[in-house]
Amino acid sequence: MTENIPPTPENEGRQPKKSKLLLIGTPKQVRDTINALYSLKYAYPYEWSTPEPTEKPGEVMTTLVRYFYLD
Protein backbone atom coordinates (compact mmCIF):
# COMPACT_ATOMS: atom_id res chain seq x y z
CA MET A 1 0.00 0.00 0.00
CA THR A 2 1.13 3.51 -0.64
CA GLU A 3 1.60 5.32 2.61
CA ASN A 4 2.52 8.91 3.22
CA ILE A 5 6.30 8.66 3.51
CA PRO A 6 8.50 11.52 4.72
CA PRO A 7 11.30 12.84 2.50
CA THR A 8 14.37 10.64 2.22
CA PRO A 9 17.79 11.17 0.59
CA GLU A 10 16.34 9.64 -2.60
CA ASN A 11 13.62 12.28 -2.94
CA GLU A 12 15.42 15.19 -1.26
CA GLY A 13 14.63 18.50 -2.91
CA ARG A 14 11.53 17.17 -4.65
CA GLN A 15 8.23 18.74 -3.71
CA PRO A 16 5.38 16.32 -2.99
CA LYS A 17 1.96 17.00 -4.47
CA LYS A 18 -0.89 17.12 -1.98
CA SER A 19 -4.17 15.36 -2.70
CA LYS A 20 -7.27 15.63 -0.49
CA LEU A 21 -10.14 13.17 -0.66
CA LEU A 22 -13.49 13.94 0.94
CA LEU A 23 -16.20 11.36 1.53
CA ILE A 24 -19.73 12.48 2.39
CA GLY A 25 -22.66 10.16 3.00
CA THR A 26 -24.41 8.08 5.61
CA PRO A 27 -22.09 6.47 8.15
CA LYS A 28 -22.59 3.11 6.41
CA GLN A 29 -21.84 4.53 2.94
CA VAL A 30 -18.68 6.21 4.21
CA ARG A 31 -17.52 3.09 6.07
CA ASP A 32 -18.24 0.87 3.02
CA THR A 33 -16.31 3.22 0.72
CA ILE A 34 -13.33 3.33 3.08
CA ASN A 35 -13.33 -0.47 3.18
CA ALA A 36 -13.61 -0.66 -0.63
CA LEU A 37 -10.62 1.67 -1.03
CA TYR A 38 -8.72 -0.45 1.48
CA SER A 39 -9.50 -3.61 -0.51
CA LEU A 40 -8.03 -1.85 -3.56
CA LYS A 41 -4.90 -1.13 -1.47
CA TYR A 42 -5.38 2.62 -1.74
CA ALA A 43 -5.45 3.57 1.96
CA TYR A 44 -5.67 1.95 5.35
CA PRO A 45 -8.92 2.69 7.21
CA TYR A 46 -7.00 4.31 10.09
CA GLU A 47 -5.59 6.95 7.71
CA TRP A 48 -9.02 8.60 7.34
CA SER A 49 -10.14 11.30 9.75
CA THR A 50 -12.84 10.52 12.28
CA PRO A 51 -16.25 10.91 10.60
CA GLU A 52 -17.86 14.21 11.58
CA PRO A 53 -21.55 15.07 11.24
CA THR A 54 -22.58 17.50 8.51
CA GLU A 55 -25.48 19.96 8.58
CA LYS A 56 -27.69 17.27 7.05
CA PRO A 57 -29.08 14.80 9.63
CA GLY A 58 -27.75 11.27 9.20
CA GLU A 59 -24.81 12.41 7.07
CA VAL A 60 -21.10 12.41 7.95
CA MET A 61 -17.89 13.43 6.23
CA THR A 62 -14.31 12.24 6.50
CA THR A 63 -11.08 13.23 4.77
CA LEU A 64 -7.83 11.67 3.68
CA VAL A 65 -4.72 13.64 2.73
CA ARG A 66 -2.10 11.94 0.58
CA TYR A 67 1.26 13.17 -0.67
CA PHE A 68 2.66 11.92 -3.95
CA TYR A 69 5.98 12.44 -5.66
CA LEU A 70 5.44 12.88 -9.38
CA ASP A 71 8.20 12.65 -11.95
PDB file of N, CA and C in Angstrom:
ATOM      1  N   MET A   1       0.828  -1.177   0.000  1.00  0.00           N
ATOM      2  CA  MET A   1       0.000   0.000   0.000  1.00  0.00           C
ATOM      3  C   MET A   1       0.871   1.237   0.000  1.00  0.00           C
ATOM      4  N   THR A   2       0.381   2.256  -0.639  1.00  0.00           N
ATOM      5  CA  THR A   2       1.133   3.507  -0.638  1.00  0.00           C
ATOM      6  C   THR A   2       0.794   4.273   0.623  1.00  0.00           C
ATOM      7  N   GLU A   3       1.802   4.532   1.406  1.00  0.00           N
ATOM      8  CA  GLU A   3       1.597   5.317   2.613  1.00  0.00           C
ATOM      9  C   GLU A   3       2.289   6.661   2.435  1.00  0.00           C
ATOM     10  N   ASN A   4       1.857   7.618   3.234  1.00  0.00           N
ATOM     11  CA  ASN A   4       2.524   8.912   3.221  1.00  0.00           C
ATOM     12  C   ASN A   4       3.893   8.730   3.854  1.00  0.00           C
ATOM     13  N   ILE A   5       4.933   8.913   3.059  1.00  0.00           N
ATOM     14  CA  ILE A   5       6.296   8.663   3.509  1.00  0.00           C
ATOM     15  C   ILE A   5       7.050   9.987   3.544  1.00  0.00           C
ATOM     16  N   PRO A   6       7.752  10.273   4.641  1.00  0.00           N
ATOM     17  CA  PRO A   6       8.502  11.523   4.722  1.00  0.00           C
ATOM     18  C   PRO A   6       9.652  11.546   3.722  1.00  0.00           C
ATOM     19  N   PRO A   7      10.178  12.739   3.439  1.00  0.00           N
ATOM     20  CA  PRO A   7      11.297  12.835   2.503  1.00  0.00           C
ATOM     21  C   PRO A   7      12.490  11.988   2.950  1.00  0.00           C
ATOM     22  N   THR A   8      13.178  11.436   1.980  1.00  0.00           N
ATOM     23  CA  THR A   8      14.375  10.637   2.221  1.00  0.00           C
ATOM     24  C   THR A   8      15.479  11.177   1.323  1.00  0.00           C
ATOM     25  N   PRO A   9      16.714  10.703   1.478  1.00  0.00           N
ATOM     26  CA  PRO A   9      17.785  11.172   0.592  1.00  0.00           C
ATOM     27  C   PRO A   9      17.462  10.944  -0.887  1.00  0.00           C
ATOM     28  N   GLU A  10      16.663   9.910  -1.193  1.00  0.00           N
ATOM     29  CA  GLU A  10      16.336   9.639  -2.602  1.00  0.00           C
ATOM     30  C   GLU A  10      15.414  10.690  -3.206  1.00  0.00           C
ATOM     31  N   ASN A  11      14.543  11.295  -2.390  1.00  0.00           N
ATOM     32  CA  ASN A  11      13.616  12.280  -2.944  1.00  0.00           C
ATOM     33  C   ASN A  11      13.876  13.689  -2.385  1.00  0.00           C
ATOM     34  N   GLU A  12      15.062  13.888  -1.829  1.00  0.00           N
ATOM     35  CA  GLU A  12      15.424  15.186  -1.264  1.00  0.00           C
ATOM     36  C   GLU A  12      15.343  16.270  -2.334  1.00  0.00           C
ATOM     37  N   GLY A  13      14.748  17.389  -1.978  1.00  0.00           N
ATOM     38  CA  GLY A  13      14.627  18.505  -2.907  1.00  0.00           C
ATOM     39  C   GLY A  13      13.392  18.438  -3.786  1.00  0.00           C
ATOM     40  N   ARG A  14      12.758  17.301  -3.859  1.00  0.00           N
ATOM     41  CA  ARG A  14      11.532  17.173  -4.647  1.00  0.00           C
ATOM     42  C   ARG A  14      10.351  17.619  -3.793  1.00  0.00           C
ATOM     43  N   GLN A  15       9.403  18.264  -4.416  1.00  0.00           N
ATOM     44  CA  GLN A  15       8.225  18.736  -3.706  1.00  0.00           C
ATOM     45  C   GLN A  15       7.065  17.764  -3.910  1.00  0.00           C
ATOM     46  N   PRO A  16       6.513  17.219  -2.828  1.00  0.00           N
ATOM     47  CA  PRO A  16       5.379  16.315  -2.991  1.00  0.00           C
ATOM     48  C   PRO A  16       4.123  17.090  -3.376  1.00  0.00           C
ATOM     49  N   LYS A  17       3.253  16.434  -4.100  1.00  0.00           N
ATOM     50  CA  LYS A  17       1.960  16.998  -4.473  1.00  0.00           C
ATOM     51  C   LYS A  17       0.941  16.524  -3.453  1.00  0.00           C
ATOM     52  N   LYS A  18       0.097  17.429  -3.010  1.00  0.00           N
ATOM     53  CA  LYS A  18      -0.892  17.117  -1.984  1.00  0.00           C
ATOM     54  C   LYS A  18      -2.234  16.815  -2.646  1.00  0.00           C
ATOM     55  N   SER A  19      -2.868  15.753  -2.194  1.00  0.00           N
ATOM     56  CA  SER A  19      -4.175  15.355  -2.700  1.00  0.00           C
ATOM     57  C   SER A  19      -5.105  15.160  -1.511  1.00  0.00           C
ATOM     58  N   LYS A  20      -6.294  15.766  -1.569  1.00  0.00           N
ATOM     59  CA  LYS A  20      -7.275  15.627  -0.488  1.00  0.00           C
ATOM     60  C   LYS A  20      -8.501  14.903  -1.018  1.00  0.00           C
ATOM     61  N   LEU A  21      -8.920  13.885  -0.307  1.00  0.00           N
ATOM     62  CA  LEU A  21     -10.138  13.167  -0.659  1.00  0.00           C
ATOM     63  C   LEU A  21     -11.168  13.430   0.425  1.00  0.00           C
ATOM     64  N   LEU A  22     -12.399  13.652   0.017  1.00  0.00           N
ATOM     65  CA  LEU A  22     -13.486  13.939   0.940  1.00  0.00           C
ATOM     66  C   LEU A  22     -14.621  12.979   0.647  1.00  0.00           C
ATOM     67  N   LEU A  23     -15.058  12.251   1.659  1.00  0.00           N
ATOM     68  CA  LEU A  23     -16.203  11.356   1.528  1.00  0.00           C
ATOM     69  C   LEU A  23     -17.350  11.935   2.334  1.00  0.00           C
ATOM     70  N   ILE A  24     -18.527  11.995   1.719  1.00  0.00           N
ATOM     71  CA  ILE A  24     -19.727  12.477   2.394  1.00  0.00           C
ATOM     72  C   ILE A  24     -20.841  11.486   2.116  1.00  0.00           C
ATOM     73  N   GLY A  25     -21.536  11.081   3.154  1.00  0.00           N
ATOM     74  CA  GLY A  25     -22.659  10.162   2.998  1.00  0.00           C
ATOM     75  C   GLY A  25     -23.128   9.679   4.353  1.00  0.00           C
ATOM     76  N   THR A  26     -23.980   8.666   4.338  1.00  0.00           N
ATOM     77  CA  THR A  26     -24.406   8.083   5.607  1.00  0.00           C
ATOM     78  C   THR A  26     -23.197   7.395   6.233  1.00  0.00           C
ATOM     79  N   PRO A  27     -23.224   7.171   7.534  1.00  0.00           N
ATOM     80  CA  PRO A  27     -22.090   6.473   8.147  1.00  0.00           C
ATOM     81  C   PRO A  27     -21.784   5.138   7.468  1.00  0.00           C
ATOM     82  N   LYS A  28     -22.810   4.395   7.079  1.00  0.00           N
ATOM     83  CA  LYS A  28     -22.592   3.108   6.407  1.00  0.00           C
ATOM     84  C   LYS A  28     -21.946   3.301   5.038  1.00  0.00           C
ATOM     85  N   GLN A  29     -22.424   4.272   4.264  1.00  0.00           N
ATOM     86  CA  GLN A  29     -21.837   4.527   2.945  1.00  0.00           C
ATOM     87  C   GLN A  29     -20.365   4.910   3.069  1.00  0.00           C
ATOM     88  N   VAL A  30     -20.059   5.767   4.015  1.00  0.00           N
ATOM     89  CA  VAL A  30     -18.677   6.213   4.211  1.00  0.00           C
ATOM     90  C   VAL A  30     -17.802   5.036   4.631  1.00  0.00           C
ATOM     91  N   ARG A  31     -18.272   4.251   5.597  1.00  0.00           N
ATOM     92  CA  ARG A  31     -17.517   3.085   6.071  1.00  0.00           C
ATOM     93  C   ARG A  31     -17.300   2.081   4.940  1.00  0.00           C
ATOM     94  N   ASP A  32     -18.357   1.818   4.139  1.00  0.00           N
ATOM     95  CA  ASP A  32     -18.239   0.875   3.025  1.00  0.00           C
ATOM     96  C   ASP A  32     -17.247   1.369   1.975  1.00  0.00           C
ATOM     97  N   THR A  33     -17.245   2.667   1.699  1.00  0.00           N
ATOM     98  CA  THR A  33     -16.314   3.224   0.717  1.00  0.00           C
ATOM     99  C   THR A  33     -14.877   3.146   1.225  1.00  0.00           C
ATOM    100  N   ILE A  34     -14.669   3.451   2.491  1.00  0.00           N
ATOM    101  CA  ILE A  34     -13.326   3.335   3.080  1.00  0.00           C
ATOM    102  C   ILE A  34     -12.841   1.897   2.975  1.00  0.00           C
ATOM    103  N   ASN A  35     -13.714   0.942   3.276  1.00  0.00           N
ATOM    104  CA  ASN A  35     -13.332  -0.474   3.183  1.00  0.00           C
ATOM    105  C   ASN A  35     -13.064  -0.889   1.738  1.00  0.00           C
ATOM    106  N   ALA A  36     -13.837  -0.351   0.792  1.00  0.00           N
ATOM    107  CA  ALA A  36     -13.608  -0.660  -0.626  1.00  0.00           C
ATOM    108  C   ALA A  36     -12.252  -0.118  -1.076  1.00  0.00           C
ATOM    109  N   LEU A  37     -11.923   1.102  -0.672  1.00  0.00           N
ATOM    110  CA  LEU A  37     -10.620   1.672  -1.033  1.00  0.00           C
ATOM    111  C   LEU A  37      -9.483   0.896  -0.380  1.00  0.00           C
ATOM    112  N   TYR A  38      -9.719   0.390   0.817  1.00  0.00           N
ATOM    113  CA  TYR A  38      -8.721  -0.451   1.484  1.00  0.00           C
ATOM    114  C   TYR A  38      -8.525  -1.757   0.715  1.00  0.00           C
ATOM    115  N   SER A  39      -9.615  -2.352   0.242  1.00  0.00           N
ATOM    116  CA  SER A  39      -9.498  -3.611  -0.510  1.00  0.00           C
ATOM    117  C   SER A  39      -8.754  -3.412  -1.826  1.00  0.00           C
ATOM    118  N   LEU A  40      -8.778  -2.184  -2.345  1.00  0.00           N
ATOM    119  CA  LEU A  40      -8.027  -1.853  -3.561  1.00  0.00           C
ATOM    120  C   LEU A  40      -6.593  -1.423  -3.235  1.00  0.00           C
ATOM    121  N   LYS A  41      -6.235  -1.497  -1.955  1.00  0.00           N
ATOM    122  CA  LYS A  41      -4.903  -1.129  -1.466  1.00  0.00           C
ATOM    123  C   LYS A  41      -4.574   0.344  -1.693  1.00  0.00           C
ATOM    124  N   TYR A  42      -5.599   1.183  -1.573  1.00  0.00           N
ATOM    125  CA  TYR A  42      -5.379   2.618  -1.739  1.00  0.00           C
ATOM    126  C   TYR A  42      -5.005   3.284  -0.415  1.00  0.00           C
ATOM    127  N   ALA A  43      -5.728   2.943   0.661  1.00  0.00           N
ATOM    128  CA  ALA A  43      -5.450   3.569   1.960  1.00  0.00           C
ATOM    129  C   ALA A  43      -5.958   2.672   3.078  1.00  0.00           C
ATOM    130  N   TYR A  44      -5.222   2.669   4.170  1.00  0.00           N
ATOM    131  CA  TYR A  44      -5.672   1.947   5.353  1.00  0.00           C
ATOM    132  C   TYR A  44      -6.836   2.708   5.987  1.00  0.00           C
ATOM    133  N   PRO A  45      -7.787   2.003   6.574  1.00  0.00           N
ATOM    134  CA  PRO A  45      -8.921   2.693   7.213  1.00  0.00           C
ATOM    135  C   PRO A  45      -8.495   3.692   8.294  1.00  0.00           C
ATOM    136  N   TYR A  46      -7.417   3.402   9.018  1.00  0.00           N
ATOM    137  CA  TYR A  46      -7.000   4.312  10.092  1.00  0.00           C
ATOM    138  C   TYR A  46      -6.427   5.631   9.566  1.00  0.00           C
ATOM    139  N   GLU A  47      -6.145   5.716   8.268  1.00  0.00           N
ATOM    140  CA  GLU A  47      -5.590   6.954   7.708  1.00  0.00           C
ATOM    141  C   GLU A  47      -6.656   8.034   7.513  1.00  0.00           C
ATOM    142  N   TRP A  48      -7.922   7.650   7.520  1.00  0.00           N
ATOM    143  CA  TRP A  48      -9.018   8.603   7.337  1.00  0.00           C
ATOM    144  C   TRP A  48      -9.291   9.336   8.649  1.00  0.00           C
ATOM    145  N   SER A  49      -9.766  10.561   8.540  1.00  0.00           N
ATOM    146  CA  SER A  49     -10.141  11.299   9.747  1.00  0.00           C
ATOM    147  C   SER A  49     -11.387  10.660  10.364  1.00  0.00           C
ATOM    148  N   THR A  50     -11.633  10.999  11.611  1.00  0.00           N
ATOM    149  CA  THR A  50     -12.842  10.519  12.280  1.00  0.00           C
ATOM    150  C   THR A  50     -14.054  11.142  11.593  1.00  0.00           C
ATOM    151  N   PRO A  51     -15.061  10.340  11.236  1.00  0.00           N
ATOM    152  CA  PRO A  51     -16.253  10.911  10.598  1.00  0.00           C
ATOM    153  C   PRO A  51     -16.908  11.971  11.487  1.00  0.00           C
ATOM    154  N   GLU A  52     -17.213  13.095  10.879  1.00  0.00           N
ATOM    155  CA  GLU A  52     -17.856  14.210  11.576  1.00  0.00           C
ATOM    156  C   GLU A  52     -19.232  14.451  10.968  1.00  0.00           C
ATOM    157  N   PRO A  53     -20.223  14.798  11.789  1.00  0.00           N
ATOM    158  CA  PRO A  53     -21.555  15.067  11.240  1.00  0.00           C
ATOM    159  C   PRO A  53     -21.547  16.324  10.370  1.00  0.00           C
ATOM    160  N   THR A  54     -22.392  16.319   9.351  1.00  0.00           N
ATOM    161  CA  THR A  54     -22.577  17.503   8.507  1.00  0.00           C
ATOM    162  C   THR A  54     -23.855  18.207   8.966  1.00  0.00           C
ATOM    163  N   GLU A  55     -24.240  19.248   8.245  1.00  0.00           N
ATOM    164  CA  GLU A  55     -25.478  19.960   8.579  1.00  0.00           C
ATOM    165  C   GLU A  55     -26.707  19.104   8.300  1.00  0.00           C
ATOM    166  N   LYS A  56     -26.561  18.122   7.423  1.00  0.00           N
ATOM    167  CA  LYS A  56     -27.690  17.268   7.053  1.00  0.00           C
ATOM    168  C   LYS A  56     -27.790  16.104   8.046  1.00  0.00           C
ATOM    169  N   PRO A  57     -28.937  15.909   8.673  1.00  0.00           N
ATOM    170  CA  PRO A  57     -29.083  14.803   9.628  1.00  0.00           C
ATOM    171  C   PRO A  57     -28.789  13.449   8.978  1.00  0.00           C
ATOM    172  N   GLY A  58     -28.071  12.607   9.693  1.00  0.00           N
ATOM    173  CA  GLY A  58     -27.753  11.269   9.198  1.00  0.00           C
ATOM    174  C   GLY A  58     -26.605  11.221   8.211  1.00  0.00           C
ATOM    175  N   GLU A  59     -25.910  12.339   8.035  1.00  0.00           N
ATOM    176  CA  GLU A  59     -24.810  12.408   7.073  1.00  0.00           C
ATOM    177  C   GLU A  59     -23.517  12.750   7.807  1.00  0.00           C
ATOM    178  N   VAL A  60     -22.414  12.123   7.378  1.00  0.00           N
ATOM    179  CA  VAL A  60     -21.098  12.407   7.950  1.00  0.00           C
ATOM    180  C   VAL A  60     -20.109  12.674   6.824  1.00  0.00           C
ATOM    181  N   MET A  61     -18.966  13.237   7.206  1.00  0.00           N
ATOM    182  CA  MET A  61     -17.891  13.429   6.232  1.00  0.00           C
ATOM    183  C   MET A  61     -16.573  13.053   6.876  1.00  0.00           C
ATOM    184  N   THR A  62     -15.650  12.612   6.048  1.00  0.00           N
ATOM    185  CA  THR A  62     -14.315  12.245   6.496  1.00  0.00           C
ATOM    186  C   THR A  62     -13.330  12.608   5.392  1.00  0.00           C
ATOM    187  N   THR A  63     -12.082  12.832   5.758  1.00  0.00           N
ATOM    188  CA  THR A  63     -11.077  13.232   4.772  1.00  0.00           C
ATOM    189  C   THR A  63      -9.838  12.350   4.860  1.00  0.00           C
ATOM    190  N   LEU A  64      -9.122  12.350   3.760  1.00  0.00           N
ATOM    191  CA  LEU A  64      -7.832  11.670   3.677  1.00  0.00           C
ATOM    192  C   LEU A  64      -6.905  12.587   2.901  1.00  0.00           C
ATOM    193  N   VAL A  65      -5.726  12.825   3.427  1.00  0.00           N
ATOM    194  CA  VAL A  65      -4.722  13.641   2.734  1.00  0.00           C
ATOM    195  C   VAL A  65      -3.580  12.719   2.352  1.00  0.00           C
ATOM    196  N   ARG A  66      -3.213  12.755   1.076  1.00  0.00           N
ATOM    197  CA  ARG A  66      -2.098  11.940   0.575  1.00  0.00           C
ATOM    198  C   ARG A  66      -1.076  12.861  -0.069  1.00  0.00           C
ATOM    199  N   TYR A  67       0.173  12.453  -0.011  1.00  0.00           N
ATOM    200  CA  TYR A  67       1.260  13.175  -0.667  1.00  0.00           C
ATOM    201  C   TYR A  67       1.914  12.232  -1.662  1.00  0.00           C
ATOM    202  N   PHE A  68       2.081  12.727  -2.884  1.00  0.00           N
ATOM    203  CA  PHE A  68       2.657  11.924  -3.953  1.00  0.00           C
ATOM    204  C   PHE A  68       3.857  12.650  -4.545  1.00  0.00           C
ATOM    205  N   TYR A  69       4.853  11.892  -4.906  1.00  0.00           N
ATOM    206  CA  TYR A  69       5.978  12.439  -5.664  1.00  0.00           C
ATOM    207  C   TYR A  69       5.752  12.077  -7.122  1.00  0.00           C
ATOM    208  N   LEU A  70       5.649  13.092  -7.961  1.00  0.00           N
ATOM    209  CA  LEU A  70       5.435  12.878  -9.384  1.00  0.00           C
ATOM    210  C   LEU A  70       6.717  13.188 -10.138  1.00  0.00           C
ATOM    211  N   ASP A  71       7.002  12.396 -11.133  1.00  0.00           N
ATOM    212  CA  ASP A  71       8.198  12.645 -11.951  1.00  0.00           C
ATOM    213  C   ASP A  71       7.895  13.609 -13.062  1.00  0.00           C
TER     214      ASP A  71
END
